N, C-alpha and C. Protein backbone atom coordinates (compact mmCIF):
# COMPACT_ATOMS: atom_id res chain seq x y z
N UNK A 1 148.45 88.16 143.51
CA UNK A 1 147.58 87.17 142.74
C UNK A 1 148.12 88.61 141.13
N UNK A 2 148.42 87.43 140.17
CA UNK A 2 149.24 88.25 139.38
C UNK A 2 148.20 88.67 137.52
N UNK A 3 147.83 88.55 138.00
CA UNK A 3 146.43 88.87 137.15
C UNK A 3 145.12 88.37 137.53
N UNK A 4 143.63 89.19 137.41
CA UNK A 4 142.50 89.10 137.85
C UNK A 4 141.78 87.08 137.16
N UNK A 5 141.72 87.00 137.78
CA UNK A 5 140.71 85.59 137.57
C UNK A 5 139.25 85.83 138.74
N UNK A 6 138.73 85.20 137.81
CA UNK A 6 136.95 84.85 137.59
C UNK A 6 137.07 83.95 137.36
N UNK A 7 135.71 82.97 137.67
CA UNK A 7 135.71 81.24 137.68
C UNK A 7 133.95 81.25 136.38
N UNK A 8 134.51 80.40 136.03
CA UNK A 8 132.96 80.50 134.58
C UNK A 8 132.32 79.51 135.55
N UNK A 9 131.26 79.73 134.76
CA UNK A 9 130.41 79.16 134.86
C UNK A 9 130.54 76.85 135.05
N UNK A 10 129.49 76.54 136.46
CA UNK A 10 129.80 75.34 136.61
C UNK A 10 129.55 74.02 135.75
N UNK A 11 130.40 73.21 134.89
CA UNK A 11 130.13 72.61 134.84
C UNK A 11 131.28 71.53 134.31
N UNK A 12 131.36 70.60 133.23
CA UNK A 12 132.65 69.19 133.50
C UNK A 12 131.70 68.42 134.50
N UNK A 13 130.84 68.45 135.41
CA UNK A 13 130.76 67.49 136.82
C UNK A 13 129.72 66.89 136.41
N UNK A 14 130.13 65.50 137.71
CA UNK A 14 128.29 64.98 137.57
C UNK A 14 129.20 64.08 139.11
N UNK A 15 127.78 63.18 139.58
CA UNK A 15 128.20 62.70 140.56
C UNK A 15 127.63 61.50 140.50
N UNK A 16 128.93 60.33 140.63
CA UNK A 16 128.43 58.99 140.73
C UNK A 16 127.57 58.81 142.47
N UNK A 17 126.16 57.93 142.48
CA UNK A 17 125.80 57.73 143.48
C UNK A 17 125.79 56.11 143.29
N UNK A 18 126.38 55.47 144.63
CA UNK A 18 126.54 54.22 144.96
C UNK A 18 125.58 54.68 146.15
N UNK A 19 124.37 54.25 146.83
CA UNK A 19 123.89 54.40 147.64
C UNK A 19 123.69 56.23 148.86
N UNK A 20 124.22 55.36 149.58
CA UNK A 20 124.67 56.84 150.66
C UNK A 20 126.04 57.26 150.51
N UNK A 21 127.14 56.44 149.47
CA UNK A 21 128.37 56.84 148.65
C UNK A 21 128.64 58.17 147.59
N UNK A 22 128.36 59.02 147.74
CA UNK A 22 128.55 59.48 146.83
C UNK A 22 130.47 60.53 146.21
N UNK A 23 130.39 60.01 144.43
CA UNK A 23 131.39 60.24 143.73
C UNK A 23 131.65 61.65 143.04
N UNK A 24 132.68 62.54 144.26
CA UNK A 24 132.28 63.55 142.70
C UNK A 24 133.27 63.74 141.64
N UNK A 25 132.76 64.08 140.71
CA UNK A 25 133.50 63.73 138.99
C UNK A 25 133.55 64.25 138.72
N UNK A 26 135.15 65.18 138.07
CA UNK A 26 135.02 66.30 137.54
C UNK A 26 135.89 66.25 136.50
N UNK A 27 136.08 66.23 135.34
CA UNK A 27 136.65 66.66 133.90
C UNK A 27 137.21 67.55 133.29
N UNK A 28 138.25 68.12 133.21
CA UNK A 28 138.72 69.44 132.19
C UNK A 28 139.41 68.72 131.25
N UNK A 29 139.85 69.40 130.65
CA UNK A 29 140.30 69.32 129.07
C UNK A 29 141.53 70.84 129.80
N UNK A 30 142.77 69.76 129.37
CA UNK A 30 144.38 71.17 129.68
C UNK A 30 145.08 71.11 128.16
N UNK A 31 145.11 71.82 127.96
CA UNK A 31 146.64 72.24 127.42
C UNK A 31 147.73 71.85 126.84
N UNK A 32 148.23 70.84 127.82
CA UNK A 32 149.34 70.85 128.10
C UNK A 32 149.85 68.40 128.52
N UNK A 33 150.45 68.46 128.04
CA UNK A 33 150.80 66.92 128.26
C UNK A 33 151.20 66.54 129.06
N UNK A 34 150.07 65.23 129.40
CA UNK A 34 150.39 64.38 130.71
C UNK A 34 151.56 64.25 130.98
N UNK A 35 153.10 64.51 131.00
CA UNK A 35 153.95 65.10 131.68
C UNK A 35 153.62 65.79 132.64
N UNK A 36 153.06 67.13 131.60
CA UNK A 36 154.02 67.85 132.72
C UNK A 36 152.05 68.56 134.02
N UNK A 37 151.18 68.38 133.56
CA UNK A 37 150.56 67.22 134.02
C UNK A 37 151.08 66.79 135.35
N UNK A 38 150.84 65.69 134.98
CA UNK A 38 151.65 64.81 136.18
C UNK A 38 152.48 65.52 137.22
N UNK A 39 153.45 66.10 136.88
CA UNK A 39 154.47 67.17 137.74
C UNK A 39 153.28 68.43 138.90
N UNK A 40 152.77 68.74 137.82
CA UNK A 40 151.97 69.38 138.44
C UNK A 40 150.87 69.06 139.96
N UNK A 41 150.29 67.81 140.05
CA UNK A 41 150.00 66.92 140.73
C UNK A 41 150.54 66.43 141.79
N UNK A 42 151.78 66.43 141.52
CA UNK A 42 152.05 65.44 142.32
C UNK A 42 153.95 66.06 143.01
N UNK A 43 154.14 66.91 142.48
CA UNK A 43 155.59 67.92 143.39
C UNK A 43 155.61 69.16 144.25
N UNK A 44 155.40 68.66 145.43
CA UNK A 44 155.29 70.00 146.19
C UNK A 44 155.61 70.57 145.85
N UNK A 45 156.02 71.88 144.58
CA UNK A 45 156.77 72.56 145.05
C UNK A 45 155.22 73.31 143.55
N UNK A 46 154.92 72.09 143.29
CA UNK A 46 153.89 72.36 142.06
C UNK A 46 152.63 72.54 142.82
N UNK A 47 152.60 71.61 143.63
CA UNK A 47 151.30 71.59 144.58
C UNK A 47 150.97 73.23 145.65
N UNK A 48 152.40 73.12 145.67
CA UNK A 48 151.48 74.79 146.15
C UNK A 48 151.31 75.91 145.60
N UNK A 49 150.85 75.75 144.23
CA UNK A 49 150.93 76.99 143.39
C UNK A 49 149.18 76.97 142.90
N UNK A 50 148.58 75.09 143.10
CA UNK A 50 146.94 75.24 142.99
C UNK A 50 146.15 74.63 144.19
N UNK A 51 146.94 73.39 144.49
CA UNK A 51 146.67 72.65 144.90
C UNK A 51 145.16 72.55 146.73
N UNK A 52 144.72 72.16 147.59
CA UNK A 52 144.04 72.59 148.60
C UNK A 52 144.97 71.88 149.54
N UNK A 53 146.07 71.58 149.32
CA UNK A 53 146.67 70.59 149.96
C UNK A 53 148.73 71.27 150.02
N UNK A 54 149.26 71.44 151.30
CA UNK A 54 151.08 70.44 150.36
C UNK A 54 151.26 69.56 150.89
N UNK A 55 151.87 69.19 150.04
CA UNK A 55 152.39 67.17 150.53
C UNK A 55 154.36 67.81 151.61
N UNK A 56 154.26 66.51 151.52
CA UNK A 56 155.86 66.40 152.76
C UNK A 56 157.28 65.65 151.44
N UNK A 57 156.48 65.35 150.38
CA UNK A 57 156.89 64.55 149.70
C UNK A 57 156.31 64.26 148.51
N UNK A 58 156.96 63.90 147.95
CA UNK A 58 156.58 63.72 145.69
C UNK A 58 155.20 62.93 146.25
N UNK A 59 153.71 62.99 146.05
CA UNK A 59 152.79 61.70 145.11
C UNK A 59 153.04 60.60 144.02
N UNK A 60 154.35 61.38 143.50
CA UNK A 60 154.17 60.05 142.70
C UNK A 60 154.67 58.56 142.53
N UNK A 61 155.22 58.62 143.68
CA UNK A 61 154.91 57.16 143.94
C UNK A 61 154.19 55.94 145.69
N UNK A 62 153.69 54.78 145.46
CA UNK A 62 153.92 54.49 146.39
C UNK A 62 153.65 54.48 148.18
N UNK A 63 153.17 54.99 148.89
CA UNK A 63 153.50 55.13 150.13
C UNK A 63 153.31 56.60 150.58
N UNK A 64 153.33 55.84 152.87
CA UNK A 64 152.60 57.21 153.01
C UNK A 64 153.27 58.57 152.79
N UNK A 65 152.58 59.61 153.06
CA UNK A 65 152.42 60.83 153.02
C UNK A 65 151.22 62.26 153.56
N UNK A 66 152.11 63.32 154.26
CA UNK A 66 151.84 63.75 155.30
C UNK A 66 151.42 65.55 154.12
N UNK A 67 149.66 65.41 154.26
CA UNK A 67 149.18 66.50 153.52
C UNK A 67 148.81 67.55 155.03
N UNK A 68 149.11 69.13 154.31
CA UNK A 68 148.50 69.65 155.33
C UNK A 68 147.53 70.82 153.98
N UNK A 69 146.66 71.13 154.80
CA UNK A 69 145.43 72.21 153.70
C UNK A 69 145.83 73.44 154.11
N UNK A 70 146.28 73.68 153.21
CA UNK A 70 146.05 74.96 153.06
C UNK A 70 144.70 76.15 153.73
N UNK A 71 145.25 77.30 154.01
CA UNK A 71 144.51 78.14 154.63
C UNK A 71 144.39 78.30 156.18
N UNK A 72 143.83 77.14 156.46
CA UNK A 72 143.04 76.49 158.36
C UNK A 72 144.12 74.92 158.34
N UNK A 73 145.40 75.23 158.72
CA UNK A 73 146.28 74.23 157.71
C UNK A 73 145.04 72.63 158.88
N UNK A 74 145.29 71.72 158.01
CA UNK A 74 144.82 70.22 159.01
C UNK A 74 146.66 69.38 158.35
N UNK A 75 146.54 68.14 159.17
CA UNK A 75 147.30 67.65 158.86
C UNK A 75 146.92 66.30 159.04
N UNK A 76 147.22 65.87 157.54
CA UNK A 76 146.84 64.78 157.66
C UNK A 76 147.51 63.15 156.35
N UNK A 77 147.57 62.43 157.52
CA UNK A 77 148.71 61.69 156.80
C UNK A 77 147.81 60.55 155.46
N UNK A 78 148.25 60.45 154.74
CA UNK A 78 147.57 59.77 153.77
C UNK A 78 148.06 58.94 152.78
N UNK A 79 147.41 57.87 152.04
CA UNK A 79 148.61 56.94 151.16
C UNK A 79 148.12 56.76 150.38
N UNK A 80 148.95 57.16 149.52
CA UNK A 80 149.59 57.29 147.88
C UNK A 80 148.99 55.48 147.27
N UNK A 81 148.25 55.25 146.88
CA UNK A 81 148.09 53.63 146.57
C UNK A 81 148.30 53.32 144.77
N UNK A 82 148.35 54.48 144.63
CA UNK A 82 149.07 53.53 142.88
C UNK A 82 149.51 54.69 142.39
N UNK A 83 150.21 54.92 141.68
CA UNK A 83 151.10 56.12 140.88
C UNK A 83 152.00 55.39 140.24
N UNK A 84 150.56 55.58 138.58
CA UNK A 84 151.74 55.35 137.50
C UNK A 84 151.32 56.34 136.29
N UNK A 85 152.69 56.78 136.28
CA UNK A 85 152.78 58.30 136.16
C UNK A 85 152.87 57.73 134.07
N UNK A 86 152.82 58.54 133.68
CA UNK A 86 152.06 60.00 133.28
C UNK A 86 150.18 60.32 133.80
N UNK A 87 149.57 58.50 133.80
CA UNK A 87 148.41 58.03 133.81
C UNK A 87 147.50 58.27 134.12
N UNK A 88 147.59 57.58 136.03
CA UNK A 88 146.47 57.22 137.26
C UNK A 88 147.50 57.14 138.64
N UNK A 89 147.04 58.64 138.89
CA UNK A 89 147.65 58.72 140.71
C UNK A 89 146.35 58.41 141.43
N UNK A 90 146.17 57.74 142.58
CA UNK A 90 145.16 57.34 143.59
C UNK A 90 145.58 57.64 144.55
N UNK A 91 144.89 58.49 145.76
CA UNK A 91 145.07 58.29 147.69
C UNK A 91 144.24 58.15 148.16
N UNK A 92 144.17 57.54 149.12
CA UNK A 92 143.41 57.77 150.10
C UNK A 92 143.90 59.15 150.97
N UNK A 93 143.07 60.22 151.05
CA UNK A 93 143.29 61.69 151.93
C UNK A 93 142.71 61.47 153.40
N UNK A 94 142.02 61.74 154.16
CA UNK A 94 142.03 61.96 155.52
C UNK A 94 140.47 61.06 155.51
N UNK A 95 140.18 59.07 154.73
CA UNK A 95 138.86 59.16 154.49
C UNK A 95 138.22 58.89 153.50
N UNK A 96 138.58 59.74 152.97
CA UNK A 96 138.20 60.38 151.11
C UNK A 96 139.19 59.53 150.34
N UNK A 97 138.54 59.06 148.90
CA UNK A 97 139.61 58.65 148.42
C UNK A 97 140.16 59.78 146.84
N UNK A 98 140.96 59.65 146.10
CA UNK A 98 141.20 60.38 145.31
C UNK A 98 141.56 59.63 144.35
N UNK A 99 141.83 59.99 142.91
CA UNK A 99 141.81 59.35 142.06
C UNK A 99 142.25 60.09 140.30
N UNK A 100 142.96 60.55 140.55
CA UNK A 100 143.77 61.64 138.83
C UNK A 100 143.94 60.45 137.60
N UNK A 101 143.05 60.77 136.12
CA UNK A 101 143.87 60.07 135.90
C UNK A 101 143.38 61.35 134.53
N UNK A 102 144.64 61.00 133.81
CA UNK A 102 145.05 61.76 132.71
C UNK A 102 145.15 60.92 131.42
N UNK A 103 144.77 61.34 130.41
CA UNK A 103 144.20 60.71 129.07
C UNK A 103 145.09 61.61 128.26
N UNK A 104 145.88 61.10 127.76
CA UNK A 104 146.37 62.19 126.21
C UNK A 104 145.20 62.78 125.72
N UNK A 105 144.93 64.07 124.37
CA UNK A 105 144.02 64.08 123.94
C UNK A 105 144.60 65.00 122.36
N UNK A 106 144.08 64.69 121.29
CA UNK A 106 144.04 65.41 120.18
C UNK A 106 145.63 65.92 120.12
N UNK A 107 145.62 67.77 120.54
CA UNK A 107 145.59 68.19 120.24
C UNK A 107 147.64 68.40 121.42
N UNK A 108 147.56 67.62 122.30
CA UNK A 108 148.80 67.38 122.51
C UNK A 108 148.39 67.93 124.21
N UNK A 109 147.49 67.65 124.13
CA UNK A 109 146.73 68.27 125.80
C UNK A 109 146.86 67.56 126.63
N UNK A 110 145.54 67.46 127.91
CA UNK A 110 145.22 66.13 128.50
C UNK A 110 144.39 66.37 129.03
N UNK A 111 143.56 65.37 129.14
CA UNK A 111 142.11 64.85 129.69
C UNK A 111 142.04 64.56 131.46
N UNK A 112 141.89 65.49 131.97
CA UNK A 112 142.26 65.31 133.11
C UNK A 112 141.09 65.08 134.03
N UNK A 113 140.25 64.42 134.48
CA UNK A 113 139.57 63.24 135.78
C UNK A 113 139.97 63.18 137.22
N UNK A 114 139.28 63.53 137.84
CA UNK A 114 138.98 63.30 138.91
C UNK A 114 137.75 62.98 139.58
N UNK A 115 137.86 61.80 140.94
CA UNK A 115 137.51 61.36 141.27
C UNK A 115 137.49 61.58 142.51
N UNK A 116 136.40 61.94 143.75
CA UNK A 116 136.45 62.02 144.54
C UNK A 116 135.26 61.63 145.45
N UNK A 117 135.32 61.14 146.42
CA UNK A 117 134.22 60.66 147.43
C UNK A 117 134.30 61.96 148.42
N UNK A 118 133.17 62.37 148.70
CA UNK A 118 132.50 63.31 149.45
C UNK A 118 131.96 63.07 149.74
N UNK A 119 131.71 63.44 151.56
CA UNK A 119 130.72 63.92 152.13
C UNK A 119 128.94 63.95 151.08
N UNK A 120 128.05 63.39 150.57
CA UNK A 120 127.04 63.93 150.32
C UNK A 120 126.14 65.54 150.18
N UNK A 121 126.60 66.08 151.83
CA UNK A 121 126.44 67.16 151.92
C UNK A 121 127.47 68.56 151.82
N UNK A 122 128.21 68.02 150.91
CA UNK A 122 129.29 68.93 151.01
C UNK A 122 130.34 68.61 149.50
N UNK A 123 129.88 67.97 148.84
CA UNK A 123 129.87 67.47 147.30
C UNK A 123 129.56 69.09 146.66
N UNK A 124 129.03 70.24 146.48
CA UNK A 124 128.64 71.00 145.74
C UNK A 124 129.28 71.69 146.44
N UNK A 125 130.12 71.90 147.43
CA UNK A 125 131.23 72.66 147.75
C UNK A 125 132.29 72.51 147.62
N UNK A 126 132.56 70.80 147.11
CA UNK A 126 134.08 70.23 146.90
C UNK A 126 134.05 71.18 145.67
N UNK A 127 132.99 70.15 144.69
CA UNK A 127 132.76 70.80 143.15
C UNK A 127 132.77 72.21 142.98
N UNK A 128 132.83 73.01 143.78
CA UNK A 128 132.90 75.19 143.15
C UNK A 128 134.85 74.78 143.71
N UNK A 129 135.21 74.05 145.20
CA UNK A 129 136.09 74.05 145.57
C UNK A 129 137.54 73.69 144.15
N UNK A 130 137.37 72.35 143.92
CA UNK A 130 137.63 72.28 142.92
C UNK A 130 137.48 72.73 141.16
N UNK A 131 136.99 73.44 140.96
CA UNK A 131 137.17 74.02 140.31
C UNK A 131 137.39 74.88 140.20
N UNK A 132 137.72 75.97 140.61
CA UNK A 132 137.99 76.83 141.12
C UNK A 132 140.16 76.64 140.95
N UNK A 133 140.46 75.68 141.90
CA UNK A 133 141.67 74.61 141.92
C UNK A 133 142.27 74.46 140.51
N UNK A 134 141.47 73.62 139.98
CA UNK A 134 141.51 73.49 138.81
C UNK A 134 141.90 73.80 137.24
N UNK A 135 141.42 75.18 137.62
CA UNK A 135 141.20 76.83 137.18
C UNK A 135 142.59 77.84 137.49
N UNK A 136 143.49 77.25 138.42
CA UNK A 136 144.38 77.54 138.81
C UNK A 136 144.99 76.76 138.21
N UNK A 137 144.94 75.46 138.53
CA UNK A 137 146.33 74.26 137.76
C UNK A 137 146.05 74.47 136.41
N UNK A 138 145.40 75.07 135.47
CA UNK A 138 145.39 75.67 134.24
C UNK A 138 145.99 76.74 134.07
N UNK A 139 145.81 77.29 134.63
CA UNK A 139 146.63 79.05 134.03
C UNK A 139 147.83 78.86 134.44
N UNK A 140 148.58 77.75 136.07
CA UNK A 140 149.55 77.98 136.37
C UNK A 140 150.25 77.61 135.82
N UNK A 141 149.98 76.08 135.12
CA UNK A 141 150.60 75.05 133.33
C UNK A 141 150.50 76.03 132.55
N UNK A 142 149.83 77.59 132.57
CA UNK A 142 150.61 78.13 131.34
C UNK A 142 151.28 78.54 131.28
N UNK A 143 151.42 79.15 132.63
CA UNK A 143 152.84 80.32 132.45
C UNK A 143 151.90 81.61 133.10
N UNK A 144 150.87 81.93 133.52
CA UNK A 144 149.96 82.63 134.20
C UNK A 144 149.67 82.40 135.51
N UNK A 145 150.98 82.05 136.53
CA UNK A 145 149.90 82.10 138.15
C UNK A 145 149.36 82.78 138.91
N UNK A 146 147.94 82.94 139.09
CA UNK A 146 147.10 83.91 139.63
C UNK A 146 147.06 83.60 141.48
N UNK A 147 148.31 82.26 141.50
CA UNK A 147 147.98 82.11 143.09
C UNK A 147 146.92 81.27 143.91
N UNK A 148 146.91 80.02 144.54
CA UNK A 148 146.21 79.36 145.16
C UNK A 148 145.04 80.06 145.62
N UNK A 149 144.42 79.70 145.68
CA UNK A 149 142.17 79.26 146.11
C UNK A 149 142.10 78.75 146.48
N UNK A 150 142.47 78.36 147.73
CA UNK A 150 142.22 77.06 148.23
C UNK A 150 141.40 77.23 150.03
N UNK A 151 140.42 76.53 150.51
CA UNK A 151 140.24 75.96 151.74
C UNK A 151 139.78 77.09 152.12
N UNK A 152 139.96 77.89 153.09
CA UNK A 152 138.99 79.16 153.33
C UNK A 152 139.17 80.12 152.52
N UNK A 153 139.74 80.30 152.05
CA UNK A 153 140.47 80.91 151.14
C UNK A 153 139.02 81.08 150.09
N UNK A 154 138.79 79.87 149.09
CA UNK A 154 137.90 80.28 147.98
C UNK A 154 137.02 79.86 149.03
N UNK A 155 136.28 80.37 149.52
CA UNK A 155 135.01 80.13 150.16
C UNK A 155 134.59 81.72 150.19
N UNK A 156 135.69 82.05 150.42
CA UNK A 156 135.41 84.20 150.21
C UNK A 156 135.41 84.73 148.72
N UNK A 157 136.17 83.42 148.27
CA UNK A 157 136.62 83.93 147.05
C UNK A 157 135.54 84.50 146.17
N UNK A 158 135.04 86.05 145.50
CA UNK A 158 134.80 86.33 144.41
C UNK A 158 134.01 85.52 143.13
N UNK A 159 132.69 84.61 143.75
CA UNK A 159 132.55 83.53 142.05
C UNK A 159 132.76 82.38 143.27
N UNK A 160 133.06 81.89 144.88
CA UNK A 160 133.08 80.60 145.20
C UNK A 160 131.87 80.65 145.68
N UNK A 161 130.85 81.53 145.91
CA UNK A 161 129.24 80.81 146.42
C UNK A 161 128.26 80.80 145.07
N UNK A 162 127.98 81.70 143.68
CA UNK A 162 127.93 81.10 142.93
C UNK A 162 127.90 80.45 142.13
N UNK A 163 128.84 79.33 142.16
CA UNK A 163 129.38 78.42 141.66
C UNK A 163 129.21 77.49 142.98
N UNK A 164 129.02 77.12 143.79
CA UNK A 164 128.76 76.32 145.04
C UNK A 164 127.47 76.63 144.53
N UNK A 165 126.92 77.27 144.35
CA UNK A 165 124.79 77.29 144.05
C UNK A 165 124.26 76.91 142.59
N UNK A 166 125.61 76.92 141.89
CA UNK A 166 125.38 76.64 140.51
C UNK A 166 126.05 74.44 140.41
N UNK A 167 126.66 74.16 141.45
CA UNK A 167 126.89 73.37 140.98
C UNK A 167 125.63 72.16 142.06
N UNK A 168 124.70 72.48 143.30
CA UNK A 168 124.10 72.04 143.88
C UNK A 168 122.60 71.88 142.62
N UNK A 169 122.67 72.90 142.47
CA UNK A 169 120.90 72.63 141.10
C UNK A 169 121.51 71.65 140.24
N UNK A 170 122.69 71.96 139.37
CA UNK A 170 122.76 70.59 138.66
C UNK A 170 123.39 69.70 139.11
N UNK A 171 123.68 69.55 140.71
CA UNK A 171 123.68 68.07 141.09
C UNK A 171 122.08 67.23 141.86
N UNK A 172 120.78 68.63 141.86
CA UNK A 172 119.69 68.99 142.23
C UNK A 172 119.72 67.87 144.03
N UNK A 173 120.63 69.19 144.70
CA UNK A 173 120.63 69.32 146.18
C UNK A 173 120.39 70.20 146.72
N UNK A 174 119.93 71.26 145.61
CA UNK A 174 119.21 72.76 146.06
C UNK A 174 118.75 72.99 147.21
């Protein structure tokens, strides 16, 4: 890691509940234009800087891709169902759906919204993991990479347990 990183408090997240189907929704404002954020979300060399998975191809077009989780490798066939650059990316990953929406905001930046349906038993863990991943993404986009912190490594990272507990409390599942 090239710089010391400590995650801030839990925030910018909520749960959409539809019976037993829960979807984690995370919103983050980034200082970079949607086109730059899009590249970070779709291109394998950028995903390796921050994402919890590597991809065998660009995720910027509809079709099959193979994602391999970082840390403890788990290979999953994935399907990009929608790729509308630089606005919307949707994919089905191991039985879970991810939707990334990018909206321009006034300062030339991007409001990034992630919807991820996660088993409710793990939703606060997912929130903590995505919180850290998005922090790492933000720093990489700023040109101050801290190195990928994902998967089992994230769970051992100082601050992850606190975030997990804060999100569980925030979501009412403590």
